[in-house]
Amino acid sequence: MDRISWDHYFMAQSYLLKTRSTCERLAVGAVIIRDKRMIAGGYNGSVSGGVHCIDEGCYVIDGHCVRTIHAEMNALLQCAKFGVATEGSEIYVTHFPCVHCTKAIIQAGIKAVYYSEDYKNHPYSIQLLEDAKVKMVKVGYLREITKGDQKKEQFINELIQKLERSEVNQQEITMLKERAEDLFHTSSFNNT
């Protein structure tokens, strides 16, 4: 029996969490993983018991909704609330983290950030993650890939990896990755 990859499984969990978001501007979900087990999850929304953006609109100051707690922060706060250690864990997020969430992720000892969608990928966030040696991996959200497509995707991924180790022009490899991404509607070929 073929099964989806761990990355796609956990990314799917973050997309499920995203459906609980109360933000009207952008729904985001996040799940924190340690040893292939989910230890916390979060979505962006208001403070517990507070007014929600879906009820009264966003409370925007300087272009940011100040009512909303980001998904990554909610997941980290859940760990803090229940005394769950985050050192050495990984986080799967539907969207690339903002600068503030990036700093919290690093401070929490998270060793890898897996994200599905680019979202204002701030250069300072990228620099902070690189400096802290936190792995960044873009994972395509597995939508409706059939078992046959999974095998084809894996085969193409292996071919691209072999090409990257050969003397093939990097521009040609990038073009092949883009074509593969278009075929499978996923971006798992971008960080092989």
Foldseek 3Di string as FASTA:
>chain_A
DDDDDLLQVQLVVQVVQQVPELAPPDGKKKFKFDPSDTDFIFIKFADVPDDTCNRVHFDDDPRDRPRIDHGLVRRVVVCVVVVNQRAAIEMEMQEDDDQVSLVVCLVSNHQEYEYAYYDPNDPVSVVSCVVSNRHYHHKWHQDDQDPVNVVVLVVLLVVLVVVVVDPDDPVVSVVSQVVSCVVRVINNSVPD
